[in-house]
N, C-alpha and C. Protein backbone atom coordinates (compact mmCIF):
# COMPACT_ATOMS: atom_id res chain seq x y z
N MET A 1 82.72 39.07 -38.66
CA MET A 1 82.07 38.34 -37.59
C MET A 1 82.47 36.87 -37.72
N SER A 2 82.74 36.25 -36.59
CA SER A 2 83.19 34.87 -36.57
C SER A 2 82.03 33.92 -36.29
N ASP A 3 82.04 32.78 -36.97
CA ASP A 3 81.00 31.77 -36.75
C ASP A 3 81.35 30.84 -35.58
N GLY A 4 82.63 30.82 -35.21
CA GLY A 4 83.06 29.91 -34.16
C GLY A 4 83.25 30.63 -32.85
N PHE A 5 83.95 29.96 -31.96
CA PHE A 5 84.27 30.58 -30.68
C PHE A 5 85.74 30.32 -30.39
N ASP A 6 86.29 31.14 -29.53
CA ASP A 6 87.71 31.06 -29.21
C ASP A 6 87.90 30.16 -28.00
N THR A 7 88.52 29.01 -28.20
CA THR A 7 88.73 28.06 -27.11
C THR A 7 89.77 28.57 -26.11
N GLY A 8 90.44 29.65 -26.45
CA GLY A 8 91.42 30.25 -25.55
C GLY A 8 90.80 31.22 -24.57
N VAL A 9 89.52 31.50 -24.72
CA VAL A 9 88.81 32.42 -23.83
C VAL A 9 88.02 31.60 -22.82
N VAL A 10 88.25 31.88 -21.54
CA VAL A 10 87.58 31.14 -20.47
C VAL A 10 86.09 31.45 -20.45
N HIS A 11 85.30 30.42 -20.18
CA HIS A 11 83.86 30.61 -20.00
C HIS A 11 83.48 29.96 -18.67
N PRO A 12 82.77 30.69 -17.81
CA PRO A 12 82.43 30.15 -16.48
C PRO A 12 81.69 28.81 -16.52
N ALA A 13 80.82 28.61 -17.49
CA ALA A 13 80.08 27.35 -17.56
C ALA A 13 81.01 26.18 -17.88
N ARG A 14 81.99 26.41 -18.75
CA ARG A 14 82.94 25.33 -19.06
C ARG A 14 83.88 25.08 -17.90
N ARG A 15 84.24 26.12 -17.14
CA ARG A 15 85.08 25.95 -15.95
C ARG A 15 84.31 25.12 -14.92
N TYR A 16 83.05 25.41 -14.74
CA TYR A 16 82.20 24.65 -13.83
C TYR A 16 82.11 23.20 -14.30
N ASN A 17 81.98 23.00 -15.59
CA ASN A 17 81.95 21.66 -16.17
C ASN A 17 83.23 20.91 -15.82
N TYR A 18 84.35 21.59 -15.89
CA TYR A 18 85.64 20.99 -15.53
C TYR A 18 85.63 20.57 -14.07
N TRP A 19 85.18 21.45 -13.19
CA TRP A 19 85.15 21.14 -11.76
C TRP A 19 84.25 19.96 -11.46
N LEU A 20 83.22 19.76 -12.25
CA LEU A 20 82.30 18.64 -12.04
C LEU A 20 82.80 17.36 -12.69
N GLY A 21 83.95 17.44 -13.37
CA GLY A 21 84.52 16.25 -14.00
C GLY A 21 84.01 16.01 -15.40
N GLY A 22 83.39 17.02 -15.99
CA GLY A 22 82.85 16.89 -17.34
C GLY A 22 83.91 16.91 -18.42
N LYS A 23 83.48 16.72 -19.64
CA LYS A 23 84.40 16.68 -20.77
C LYS A 23 84.23 17.87 -21.71
N ASP A 24 83.28 18.73 -21.43
CA ASP A 24 82.99 19.86 -22.32
C ASP A 24 83.68 21.13 -21.85
N ASN A 25 85.03 21.09 -21.86
CA ASN A 25 85.83 22.24 -21.46
C ASN A 25 87.13 22.22 -22.23
N PHE A 26 87.85 23.32 -22.17
CA PHE A 26 89.10 23.45 -22.93
C PHE A 26 90.23 23.81 -21.97
N ALA A 27 91.45 23.80 -22.47
CA ALA A 27 92.63 24.06 -21.65
C ALA A 27 92.51 25.37 -20.89
N ALA A 28 92.03 26.42 -21.52
CA ALA A 28 91.89 27.72 -20.83
C ALA A 28 90.93 27.61 -19.65
N ASP A 29 89.87 26.86 -19.80
CA ASP A 29 88.90 26.68 -18.72
C ASP A 29 89.53 25.90 -17.56
N ARG A 30 90.29 24.86 -17.89
CA ARG A 30 90.93 24.05 -16.86
C ARG A 30 92.00 24.86 -16.12
N GLU A 31 92.80 25.62 -16.87
CA GLU A 31 93.84 26.45 -16.25
C GLU A 31 93.21 27.49 -15.33
N SER A 32 92.15 28.12 -15.78
CA SER A 32 91.44 29.10 -14.97
C SER A 32 90.86 28.45 -13.72
N GLY A 33 90.27 27.29 -13.88
CA GLY A 33 89.71 26.58 -12.74
C GLY A 33 90.77 26.22 -11.72
N ASP A 34 91.92 25.78 -12.19
CA ASP A 34 93.01 25.44 -11.27
C ASP A 34 93.54 26.67 -10.54
N LEU A 35 93.68 27.79 -11.26
CA LEU A 35 94.14 29.03 -10.63
C LEU A 35 93.15 29.52 -9.59
N LEU A 36 91.89 29.48 -9.94
CA LEU A 36 90.86 29.92 -9.00
C LEU A 36 90.83 29.03 -7.77
N ALA A 37 90.97 27.74 -7.97
CA ALA A 37 90.94 26.80 -6.86
C ALA A 37 92.15 26.97 -5.94
N ARG A 38 93.27 27.44 -6.50
CA ARG A 38 94.44 27.71 -5.64
C ARG A 38 94.16 28.90 -4.73
N SER A 39 93.44 29.89 -5.25
CA SER A 39 93.11 31.07 -4.44
C SER A 39 91.95 30.78 -3.50
N TYR A 40 91.04 29.94 -3.92
CA TYR A 40 89.85 29.60 -3.15
C TYR A 40 89.71 28.08 -3.18
N PRO A 41 90.45 27.39 -2.29
CA PRO A 41 90.47 25.92 -2.32
C PRO A 41 89.11 25.25 -2.21
N ALA A 42 88.16 25.89 -1.60
CA ALA A 42 86.83 25.28 -1.44
C ALA A 42 86.02 25.31 -2.73
N ALA A 43 86.52 25.95 -3.77
CA ALA A 43 85.78 26.09 -5.03
C ALA A 43 85.32 24.74 -5.58
N TRP A 44 86.21 23.75 -5.55
CA TRP A 44 85.86 22.42 -6.07
C TRP A 44 84.69 21.84 -5.27
N ALA A 45 84.81 21.91 -3.95
CA ALA A 45 83.77 21.33 -3.09
C ALA A 45 82.45 22.08 -3.25
N VAL A 46 82.51 23.37 -3.32
CA VAL A 46 81.29 24.17 -3.49
C VAL A 46 80.61 23.82 -4.81
N ALA A 47 81.39 23.71 -5.86
CA ALA A 47 80.82 23.37 -7.18
C ALA A 47 80.14 22.01 -7.13
N ARG A 48 80.75 21.07 -6.51
CA ARG A 48 80.18 19.71 -6.46
C ARG A 48 79.01 19.61 -5.50
N LYS A 49 79.00 20.41 -4.45
CA LYS A 49 77.92 20.35 -3.47
C LYS A 49 76.63 20.98 -4.02
N THR A 50 76.75 21.94 -4.92
CA THR A 50 75.57 22.65 -5.42
C THR A 50 74.88 21.92 -6.56
N THR A 51 75.37 20.75 -6.93
CA THR A 51 74.75 20.02 -8.03
C THR A 51 73.75 19.01 -7.51
């Protein structure tokens, strides 16, 4: 059992943090966020509007 976490595994909360301009995310979260936003361009706006 591991005590840490894998920064290479995307987590929706960290991806959301990235979209909001936060600093608590990793490369995998940012890459996933960018890919998702390419498929659904309104993702950034929706994330920011719901805060």
